[in-house]
Full PDB file with SEQRES, HELIX, SHEET, SSBOND, CRYST1, ORIGX, SCALE, CONECT and MASTER records, all heavy atoms in Angstrom:
SEQRES   1 A   33  GLY PHE TYR ARG ALA LYS ILE ASP THR ALA ARG PHE PHE          
SEQRES   2 A   33  ALA GLU ARG LEU LEU PRO GLN THR GLY ALA LEU PHE ALA          
SEQRES   3 A   33  SER ILE MET ALA GLY SER LYS                                  
HELIX    1 AA1 PHE A    2  PHE A   12  1                                  11    
HELIX    2 AA2 PHE A   13  LEU A   17  3                                   5    
HELIX    3 AA3 GLN A   20  ALA A   30  1                                  11    
CRYST1    1.000    1.000    1.000  90.00  90.00  90.00 P 1           1          
ORIGX1      1.000000  0.000000  0.000000        0.00000                         
ORIGX2      0.000000  1.000000  0.000000        0.00000                         
ORIGX3      0.000000  0.000000  1.000000        0.00000                         
SCALE1      1.000000  0.000000  0.000000        0.00000                         
SCALE2      0.000000  1.000000  0.000000        0.00000                         
SCALE3      0.000000  0.000000  1.000000        0.00000                         
ATOM      1  N   GLY A   1      43.013 -28.508   1.311  1.00  0.00           N  
ATOM      2  CA  GLY A   1      41.968 -28.714   0.306  1.00  0.00           C  
ATOM      3  C   GLY A   1      40.799 -27.760   0.495  1.00  0.00           C  
ATOM      4  O   GLY A   1      40.287 -27.178  -0.472  1.00  0.00           O  
ATOM      5  N   PHE A   2      40.403 -27.580   1.721  1.00  0.00           N  
ATOM      6  CA  PHE A   2      39.300 -26.667   2.046  1.00  0.00           C  
ATOM      7  C   PHE A   2      39.674 -25.233   1.667  1.00  0.00           C  
ATOM      8  O   PHE A   2      38.896 -24.526   1.030  1.00  0.00           O  
ATOM      9  CB  PHE A   2      38.994 -26.761   3.548  1.00  0.00           C  
ATOM     10  CG  PHE A   2      37.982 -25.759   4.029  1.00  0.00           C  
ATOM     11  CD1 PHE A   2      36.625 -25.960   3.818  1.00  0.00           C  
ATOM     12  CD2 PHE A   2      38.385 -24.609   4.693  1.00  0.00           C  
ATOM     13  CE1 PHE A   2      35.682 -25.036   4.258  1.00  0.00           C  
ATOM     14  CE2 PHE A   2      37.464 -23.678   5.135  1.00  0.00           C  
ATOM     15  CZ  PHE A   2      36.106 -23.899   4.928  1.00  0.00           C  
ATOM     16  N   TYR A   3      40.864 -24.818   2.038  1.00  0.00           N  
ATOM     17  CA  TYR A   3      41.289 -23.449   1.778  1.00  0.00           C  
ATOM     18  C   TYR A   3      41.543 -23.192   0.293  1.00  0.00           C  
ATOM     19  O   TYR A   3      41.240 -22.122  -0.216  1.00  0.00           O  
ATOM     20  CB  TYR A   3      42.493 -23.077   2.639  1.00  0.00           C  
ATOM     21  CG  TYR A   3      42.115 -23.039   4.109  1.00  0.00           C  
ATOM     22  CD1 TYR A   3      42.681 -23.918   5.018  1.00  0.00           C  
ATOM     23  CD2 TYR A   3      41.163 -22.139   4.560  1.00  0.00           C  
ATOM     24  CE1 TYR A   3      42.314 -23.892   6.351  1.00  0.00           C  
ATOM     25  CE2 TYR A   3      40.784 -22.114   5.892  1.00  0.00           C  
ATOM     26  CZ  TYR A   3      41.364 -22.992   6.788  1.00  0.00           C  
ATOM     27  OH  TYR A   3      40.980 -22.960   8.098  1.00  0.00           O  
ATOM     28  N   ARG A   4      42.080 -24.185  -0.404  1.00  0.00           N  
ATOM     29  CA  ARG A   4      42.255 -24.024  -1.848  1.00  0.00           C  
ATOM     30  C   ARG A   4      40.897 -23.905  -2.542  1.00  0.00           C  
ATOM     31  O   ARG A   4      40.754 -23.142  -3.503  1.00  0.00           O  
ATOM     32  CB  ARG A   4      43.050 -25.192  -2.429  1.00  0.00           C  
ATOM     33  CG  ARG A   4      44.511 -25.134  -2.075  1.00  0.00           C  
ATOM     34  CD  ARG A   4      45.320 -26.168  -2.877  1.00  0.00           C  
ATOM     35  NE  ARG A   4      46.577 -26.455  -2.240  1.00  0.00           N  
ATOM     36  CZ  ARG A   4      47.614 -25.637  -2.166  1.00  0.00           C  
ATOM     37  NH1 ARG A   4      47.516 -24.435  -2.680  1.00  0.00           N  
ATOM     38  NH2 ARG A   4      48.728 -25.988  -1.566  1.00  0.00           N  
ATOM     39  N   ALA A   5      39.910 -24.639  -2.048  1.00  0.00           N  
ATOM     40  CA  ALA A   5      38.559 -24.546  -2.622  1.00  0.00           C  
ATOM     41  C   ALA A   5      37.981 -23.145  -2.417  1.00  0.00           C  
ATOM     42  O   ALA A   5      37.280 -22.621  -3.304  1.00  0.00           O  
ATOM     43  CB  ALA A   5      37.648 -25.607  -2.007  1.00  0.00           C  
ATOM     44  N   LYS A   6      38.249 -22.538  -1.283  1.00  0.00           N  
ATOM     45  CA  LYS A   6      37.792 -21.158  -1.044  1.00  0.00           C  
ATOM     46  C   LYS A   6      38.430 -20.204  -2.048  1.00  0.00           C  
ATOM     47  O   LYS A   6      37.757 -19.346  -2.625  1.00  0.00           O  
ATOM     48  CB  LYS A   6      38.126 -20.699   0.383  1.00  0.00           C  
ATOM     49  CG  LYS A   6      37.327 -21.377   1.451  1.00  0.00           C  
ATOM     50  CD  LYS A   6      35.892 -20.931   1.397  1.00  0.00           C  
ATOM     51  CE  LYS A   6      35.112 -21.556   2.538  1.00  0.00           C  
ATOM     52  NZ  LYS A   6      33.683 -21.380   2.379  1.00  0.00           N  
ATOM     53  N   ILE A   7      39.726 -20.352  -2.252  1.00  0.00           N  
ATOM     54  CA  ILE A   7      40.432 -19.486  -3.192  1.00  0.00           C  
ATOM     55  C   ILE A   7      39.927 -19.718  -4.614  1.00  0.00           C  
ATOM     56  O   ILE A   7      39.681 -18.757  -5.358  1.00  0.00           O  
ATOM     57  CB  ILE A   7      41.961 -19.715  -3.092  1.00  0.00           C  
ATOM     58  CG1 ILE A   7      42.456 -19.285  -1.701  1.00  0.00           C  
ATOM     59  CG2 ILE A   7      42.707 -18.981  -4.200  1.00  0.00           C  
ATOM     60  CD1 ILE A   7      43.848 -19.777  -1.350  1.00  0.00           C  
ATOM     61  N   ASP A   8      39.734 -20.987  -4.970  1.00  0.00           N  
ATOM     62  CA  ASP A   8      39.233 -21.300  -6.312  1.00  0.00           C  
ATOM     63  C   ASP A   8      37.822 -20.752  -6.523  1.00  0.00           C  
ATOM     64  O   ASP A   8      37.496 -20.267  -7.606  1.00  0.00           O  
ATOM     65  CB  ASP A   8      39.243 -22.805  -6.549  1.00  0.00           C  
ATOM     66  CG  ASP A   8      40.653 -23.379  -6.661  1.00  0.00           C  
ATOM     67  OD1 ASP A   8      41.612 -22.606  -6.865  1.00  0.00           O  
ATOM     68  OD2 ASP A   8      40.786 -24.616  -6.532  1.00  0.00           O  
ATOM     69  N   THR A   9      36.996 -20.825  -5.503  1.00  0.00           N  
ATOM     70  CA  THR A   9      35.632 -20.305  -5.620  1.00  0.00           C  
ATOM     71  C   THR A   9      35.643 -18.784  -5.721  1.00  0.00           C  
ATOM     72  O   THR A   9      34.869 -18.201  -6.486  1.00  0.00           O  
ATOM     73  CB  THR A   9      34.762 -20.773  -4.437  1.00  0.00           C  
ATOM     74  OG1 THR A   9      34.822 -22.205  -4.358  1.00  0.00           O  
ATOM     75  CG2 THR A   9      33.316 -20.353  -4.619  1.00  0.00           C  
ATOM     76  N   ALA A  10      36.527 -18.146  -4.993  1.00  0.00           N  
ATOM     77  CA  ALA A  10      36.670 -16.687  -5.100  1.00  0.00           C  
ATOM     78  C   ALA A  10      37.120 -16.310  -6.510  1.00  0.00           C  
ATOM     79  O   ALA A  10      36.618 -15.338  -7.095  1.00  0.00           O  
ATOM     80  CB  ALA A  10      37.659 -16.171  -4.061  1.00  0.00           C  
ATOM     81  N   ARG A  11      38.036 -17.078  -7.071  1.00  0.00           N  
ATOM     82  CA  ARG A  11      38.495 -16.824  -8.441  1.00  0.00           C  
ATOM     83  C   ARG A  11      37.337 -17.016  -9.428  1.00  0.00           C  
ATOM     84  O   ARG A  11      37.157 -16.218 -10.343  1.00  0.00           O  
ATOM     85  CB  ARG A  11      39.660 -17.752  -8.793  1.00  0.00           C  
ATOM     86  CG  ARG A  11      40.294 -17.432 -10.135  1.00  0.00           C  
ATOM     87  CD  ARG A  11      41.503 -18.334 -10.408  1.00  0.00           C  
ATOM     88  NE  ARG A  11      42.492 -18.322  -9.360  1.00  0.00           N  
ATOM     89  CZ  ARG A  11      43.443 -17.403  -9.209  1.00  0.00           C  
ATOM     90  NH1 ARG A  11      43.513 -16.403 -10.055  1.00  0.00           N  
ATOM     91  NH2 ARG A  11      44.311 -17.489  -8.224  1.00  0.00           N  
ATOM     92  N   PHE A  12      36.549 -18.069  -9.230  1.00  0.00           N  
ATOM     93  CA  PHE A  12      35.378 -18.294 -10.083  1.00  0.00           C  
ATOM     94  C   PHE A  12      34.427 -17.097 -10.003  1.00  0.00           C  
ATOM     95  O   PHE A  12      33.959 -16.597 -11.026  1.00  0.00           O  
ATOM     96  CB  PHE A  12      34.639 -19.580  -9.654  1.00  0.00           C  
ATOM     97  CG  PHE A  12      33.367 -19.808 -10.405  1.00  0.00           C  
ATOM     98  CD1 PHE A  12      33.371 -20.495 -11.603  1.00  0.00           C  
ATOM     99  CD2 PHE A  12      32.153 -19.330  -9.924  1.00  0.00           C  
ATOM    100  CE1 PHE A  12      32.194 -20.702 -12.311  1.00  0.00           C  
ATOM    101  CE2 PHE A  12      30.976 -19.520 -10.617  1.00  0.00           C  
ATOM    102  CZ  PHE A  12      30.994 -20.218 -11.820  1.00  0.00           C  
ATOM    103  N   PHE A  13      34.154 -16.639  -8.799  1.00  0.00           N  
ATOM    104  CA  PHE A  13      33.266 -15.494  -8.616  1.00  0.00           C  
ATOM    105  C   PHE A  13      33.823 -14.271  -9.345  1.00  0.00           C  
ATOM    106  O   PHE A  13      33.093 -13.561 -10.050  1.00  0.00           O  
ATOM    107  CB  PHE A  13      33.077 -15.187  -7.126  1.00  0.00           C  
ATOM    108  CG  PHE A  13      32.036 -14.142  -6.871  1.00  0.00           C  
ATOM    109  CD1 PHE A  13      30.710 -14.486  -6.719  1.00  0.00           C  
ATOM    110  CD2 PHE A  13      32.377 -12.795  -6.803  1.00  0.00           C  
ATOM    111  CE1 PHE A  13      29.734 -13.517  -6.512  1.00  0.00           C  
ATOM    112  CE2 PHE A  13      31.418 -11.828  -6.599  1.00  0.00           C  
ATOM    113  CZ  PHE A  13      30.095 -12.187  -6.446  1.00  0.00           C  
ATOM    114  N   ALA A  14      35.125 -14.042  -9.198  1.00  0.00           N  
ATOM    115  CA  ALA A  14      35.760 -12.870  -9.814  1.00  0.00           C  
ATOM    116  C   ALA A  14      35.732 -12.944 -11.342  1.00  0.00           C  
ATOM    117  O   ALA A  14      35.524 -11.925 -12.005  1.00  0.00           O  
ATOM    118  CB  ALA A  14      37.197 -12.738  -9.322  1.00  0.00           C  
ATOM    119  N   GLU A  15      35.928 -14.134 -11.883  1.00  0.00           N  
ATOM    120  CA  GLU A  15      36.031 -14.266 -13.336  1.00  0.00           C  
ATOM    121  C   GLU A  15      34.696 -14.518 -14.024  1.00  0.00           C  
ATOM    122  O   GLU A  15      34.540 -14.165 -15.189  1.00  0.00           O  
ATOM    123  CB  GLU A  15      37.007 -15.392 -13.684  1.00  0.00           C  
ATOM    124  CG  GLU A  15      38.437 -15.058 -13.305  1.00  0.00           C  
ATOM    125  CD  GLU A  15      39.412 -16.192 -13.590  1.00  0.00           C  
ATOM    126  OE1 GLU A  15      39.009 -17.228 -14.181  1.00  0.00           O  
ATOM    127  OE2 GLU A  15      40.590 -16.050 -13.219  1.00  0.00           O  
ATOM    128  N   ARG A  16      33.747 -15.123 -13.339  1.00  0.00           N  
ATOM    129  CA  ARG A  16      32.499 -15.517 -13.999  1.00  0.00           C  
ATOM    130  C   ARG A  16      31.279 -14.706 -13.566  1.00  0.00           C  
ATOM    131  O   ARG A  16      30.327 -14.585 -14.332  1.00  0.00           O  
ATOM    132  CB  ARG A  16      32.223 -17.005 -13.746  1.00  0.00           C  
ATOM    133  CG  ARG A  16      33.319 -17.944 -14.212  1.00  0.00           C  
ATOM    134  CD  ARG A  16      33.452 -17.984 -15.688  1.00  0.00           C  
ATOM    135  NE  ARG A  16      32.179 -18.399 -16.249  1.00  0.00           N  
ATOM    136  CZ  ARG A  16      31.975 -18.663 -17.517  1.00  0.00           C  
ATOM    137  NH1 ARG A  16      32.962 -18.555 -18.371  1.00  0.00           N  
ATOM    138  NH2 ARG A  16      30.797 -19.023 -17.950  1.00  0.00           N  
ATOM    139  N   LEU A  17      31.279 -14.157 -12.375  1.00  0.00           N  
ATOM    140  CA  LEU A  17      30.098 -13.444 -11.886  1.00  0.00           C  
ATOM    141  C   LEU A  17      30.307 -11.934 -11.810  1.00  0.00           C  
ATOM    142  O   LEU A  17      29.432 -11.172 -12.225  1.00  0.00           O  
ATOM    143  CB  LEU A  17      29.653 -14.004 -10.535  1.00  0.00           C  
ATOM    144  CG  LEU A  17      29.240 -15.478 -10.589  1.00  0.00           C  
ATOM    145  CD1 LEU A  17      28.956 -16.012  -9.202  1.00  0.00           C  
ATOM    146  CD2 LEU A  17      28.063 -15.693 -11.499  1.00  0.00           C  
ATOM    147  N   LEU A  18      31.427 -11.490 -11.290  1.00  0.00           N  
ATOM    148  CA  LEU A  18      31.663 -10.043 -11.201  1.00  0.00           C  
ATOM    149  C   LEU A  18      31.590  -9.324 -12.551  1.00  0.00           C  
ATOM    150  O   LEU A  18      31.141  -8.178 -12.598  1.00  0.00           O  
ATOM    151  CB  LEU A  18      32.997  -9.736 -10.523  1.00  0.00           C  
ATOM    152  CG  LEU A  18      32.953  -9.575  -9.009  1.00  0.00           C  
ATOM    153  CD1 LEU A  18      34.349  -9.280  -8.463  1.00  0.00           C  
ATOM    154  CD2 LEU A  18      31.974  -8.517  -8.573  1.00  0.00           C  
ATOM    155  N   PRO A  19      31.980  -9.955 -13.664  1.00  0.00           N  
ATOM    156  CA  PRO A  19      31.839  -9.260 -14.945  1.00  0.00           C  
ATOM    157  C   PRO A  19      30.393  -8.866 -15.281  1.00  0.00           C  
ATOM    158  O   PRO A  19      30.174  -7.952 -16.068  1.00  0.00           O  
ATOM    159  CB  PRO A  19      32.391 -10.259 -15.967  1.00  0.00           C  
ATOM    160  CG  PRO A  19      33.385 -11.063 -15.193  1.00  0.00           C  
ATOM    161  CD  PRO A  19      32.748 -11.207 -13.820  1.00  0.00           C  
ATOM    162  N   GLN A  20      29.435  -9.531 -14.671  1.00  0.00           N  
ATOM    163  CA  GLN A  20      28.035  -9.173 -14.919  1.00  0.00           C  
ATOM    164  C   GLN A  20      27.720  -7.760 -14.440  1.00  0.00           C  
ATOM    165  O   GLN A  20      26.743  -7.154 -14.880  1.00  0.00           O  
ATOM    166  CB  GLN A  20      27.106 -10.180 -14.249  1.00  0.00           C  
ATOM    167  CG  GLN A  20      27.197 -11.557 -14.872  1.00  0.00           C  
ATOM    168  CD  GLN A  20      26.293 -12.561 -14.206  1.00  0.00           C  
ATOM    169  OE1 GLN A  20      25.214 -12.219 -13.724  1.00  0.00           O  
ATOM    170  NE2 GLN A  20      26.719 -13.805 -14.174  1.00  0.00           N  
ATOM    171  N   THR A  21      28.558  -7.227 -13.569  1.00  0.00           N  
ATOM    172  CA  THR A  21      28.315  -5.863 -13.094  1.00  0.00           C  
ATOM    173  C   THR A  21      28.426  -4.849 -14.224  1.00  0.00           C  
ATOM    174  O   THR A  21      27.796  -3.796 -14.169  1.00  0.00           O  
ATOM    175  CB  THR A  21      29.273  -5.480 -11.940  1.00  0.00           C  
ATOM    176  OG1 THR A  21      30.627  -5.486 -12.416  1.00  0.00           O  
ATOM    177  CG2 THR A  21      29.105  -6.421 -10.750  1.00  0.00           C  
ATOM    178  N   GLY A  22      29.199  -5.167 -15.246  1.00  0.00           N  
ATOM    179  CA  GLY A  22      29.305  -4.275 -16.397  1.00  0.00           C  
ATOM    180  C   GLY A  22      27.982  -4.147 -17.137  1.00  0.00           C  
ATOM    181  O   GLY A  22      27.568  -3.042 -17.507  1.00  0.00           O  
ATOM    182  N   ALA A  23      27.311  -5.265 -17.350  1.00  0.00           N  
ATOM    183  CA  ALA A  23      26.018  -5.238 -18.030  1.00  0.00           C  
ATOM    184  C   ALA A  23      24.955  -4.569 -17.164  1.00  0.00           C  
ATOM    185  O   ALA A  23      24.129  -3.789 -17.666  1.00  0.00           O  
ATOM    186  CB  ALA A  23      25.584  -6.658 -18.391  1.00  0.00           C  
ATOM    187  N   LEU A  24      24.973  -4.840 -15.876  1.00  0.00           N  
ATOM    188  CA  LEU A  24      24.013  -4.203 -14.971  1.00  0.00           C  
ATOM    189  C   LEU A  24      24.224  -2.698 -14.956  1.00  0.00           C  
ATOM    190  O   LEU A  24      23.263  -1.919 -15.001  1.00  0.00           O  
ATOM    191  CB  LEU A  24      24.144  -4.778 -13.560  1.00  0.00           C  
ATOM    192  CG  LEU A  24      23.726  -6.241 -13.426  1.00  0.00           C  
ATOM    193  CD1 LEU A  24      24.177  -6.796 -12.082  1.00  0.00           C  
ATOM    194  CD2 LEU A  24      22.220  -6.398 -13.602  1.00  0.00           C  
ATOM    195  N   PHE A  25      25.468  -2.280 -14.926  1.00  0.00           N  
ATOM    196  CA  PHE A  25      25.791  -0.860 -14.948  1.00  0.00           C  
ATOM    197  C   PHE A  25      25.261  -0.214 -16.235  1.00  0.00           C  
ATOM    198  O   PHE A  25      24.652   0.860 -16.200  1.00  0.00           O  
ATOM    199  CB  PHE A  25      27.299  -0.661 -14.822  1.00  0.00           C  
ATOM    200  CG  PHE A  25      27.729   0.762 -14.905  1.00  0.00           C  
ATOM    201  CD1 PHE A  25      27.488   1.647 -13.870  1.00  0.00           C  
ATOM    202  CD2 PHE A  25      28.382   1.239 -16.034  1.00  0.00           C  
ATOM    203  CE1 PHE A  25      27.893   2.976 -13.950  1.00  0.00           C  
ATOM    204  CE2 PHE A  25      28.793   2.555 -16.120  1.00  0.00           C  
ATOM    205  CZ  PHE A  25      28.537   3.431 -15.078  1.00  0.00           C  
ATOM    206  N   ALA A  26      25.480  -0.865 -17.367  1.00  0.00           N  
ATOM    207  CA  ALA A  26      25.005  -0.322 -18.646  1.00  0.00           C  
ATOM    208  C   ALA A  26      23.483  -0.186 -18.652  1.00  0.00           C  
ATOM    209  O   ALA A  26      22.943   0.814 -19.135  1.00  0.00           O  
ATOM    210  CB  ALA A  26      25.468  -1.213 -19.803  1.00  0.00           C  
ATOM    211  N   SER A  27      22.792  -1.168 -18.100  1.00  0.00           N  
ATOM    212  CA  SER A  27      21.326  -1.094 -18.032  1.00  0.00           C  
ATOM    213  C   SER A  27      20.867   0.059 -17.148  1.00  0.00           C  
ATOM    214  O   SER A  27      19.932   0.783 -17.493  1.00  0.00           O  
ATOM    215  CB  SER A  27      20.751  -2.406 -17.496  1.00  0.00           C  
ATOM    216  OG  SER A  27      20.966  -3.446 -18.410  1.00  0.00           O  
ATOM    217  N   ILE A  28      21.520   0.230 -16.029  1.00  0.00           N  
ATOM    218  CA  ILE A  28      21.172   1.325 -15.117  1.00  0.00           C  
ATOM    219  C   ILE A  28      21.397   2.665 -15.803  1.00  0.00           C  
ATOM    220  O   ILE A  28      20.547   3.559 -15.758  1.00  0.00           O  
ATOM    221  CB  ILE A  28      21.997   1.227 -13.816  1.00  0.00           C  
ATOM    222  CG1 ILE A  28      21.558   0.003 -13.004  1.00  0.00           C  
ATOM    223  CG2 ILE A  28      21.878   2.504 -12.994  1.00  0.00           C  
ATOM    224  CD1 ILE A  28      22.517  -0.387 -11.894  1.00  0.00           C  
ATOM    225  N   MET A  29      22.522   2.805 -16.466  1.00  0.00           N  
ATOM    226  CA  MET A  29      22.867   4.070 -17.099  1.00  0.00           C  
ATOM    227  C   MET A  29      21.976   4.385 -18.296  1.00  0.00           C  
ATOM    228  O   MET A  29      21.863   5.544 -18.702  1.00  0.00           O  
ATOM    229  CB  MET A  29      24.340   4.073 -17.511  1.00  0.00           C  
ATOM    230  CG  MET A  29      25.305   3.916 -16.337  1.00  0.00           C  
ATOM    231  SD  MET A  29      25.050   5.089 -14.990  1.00  0.00           S  
ATOM    232  CE  MET A  29      25.851   6.510 -15.685  1.00  0.00           C  
ATOM    233  N   ALA A  30      21.319   3.371 -18.854  1.00  0.00           N  
ATOM    234  CA  ALA A  30      20.418   3.595 -19.989  1.00  0.00           C  
ATOM    235  C   ALA A  30      19.200   4.421 -19.583  1.00  0.00           C  
ATOM    236  O   ALA A  30      18.563   5.047 -20.423  1.00  0.00           O  
ATOM    237  CB  ALA A  30      19.986   2.261 -20.591  1.00  0.00           C  
ATOM    238  N   GLY A  31      18.890   4.421 -18.307  1.00  0.00           N  
ATOM    239  CA  GLY A  31      17.788   5.238 -17.818  1.00  0.00           C  
ATOM    240  C   GLY A  31      16.425   4.607 -18.053  1.00  0.00           C  
ATOM    241  O   GLY A  31      16.298   3.452 -18.437  1.00  0.00           O  
ATOM    242  N   SER A  32      15.407   5.401 -17.844  1.00  0.00           N  
ATOM    243  CA  SER A  32      14.030   4.901 -17.861  1.00  0.00           C  
ATOM    244  C   SER A  32      13.302   5.103 -19.184  1.00  0.00           C  
ATOM    245  O   SER A  32      12.213   4.577 -19.367  1.00  0.00           O  
ATOM    246  CB  SER A  32      13.226   5.578 -16.747  1.00  0.00           C  
ATOM    247  OG  SER A  32      13.076   6.960 -17.029  1.00  0.00           O  
ATOM    248  N   LYS A  33      13.886   5.841 -20.101  1.00  0.00           N  
ATOM    249  CA  LYS A  33      13.157   6.234 -21.311  1.00  0.00           C  
ATOM    250  C   LYS A  33      12.598   5.041 -22.089  1.00  0.00           C  
ATOM    251  O   LYS A  33      11.417   5.025 -22.438  1.00  0.00           O  
ATOM    252  CB  LYS A  33      14.047   7.084 -22.214  1.00  0.00           C  
ATOM    253  CG  LYS A  33      13.322   7.639 -23.415  1.00  0.00           C  
ATOM    254  CD  LYS A  33      14.212   8.543 -24.245  1.00  0.00           C  
ATOM    255  CE  LYS A  33      13.418   9.074 -25.432  1.00  0.00           C  
ATOM    256  NZ  LYS A  33      14.242   9.923 -26.274  1.00  0.00           N  
TER     257      LYS A  33                                                      
MASTER        0    0    0    3    0    0    0    6  256    1    0    3          
END                                                                             
């Protein structure tokens, strides 16, 4: 149960949080203008 929870939480992070890196990247690339 403990180990499955770790895997499930990693999956949650991968599917729900890591995609935010796309928006952060776009903001960074927009520059300072």
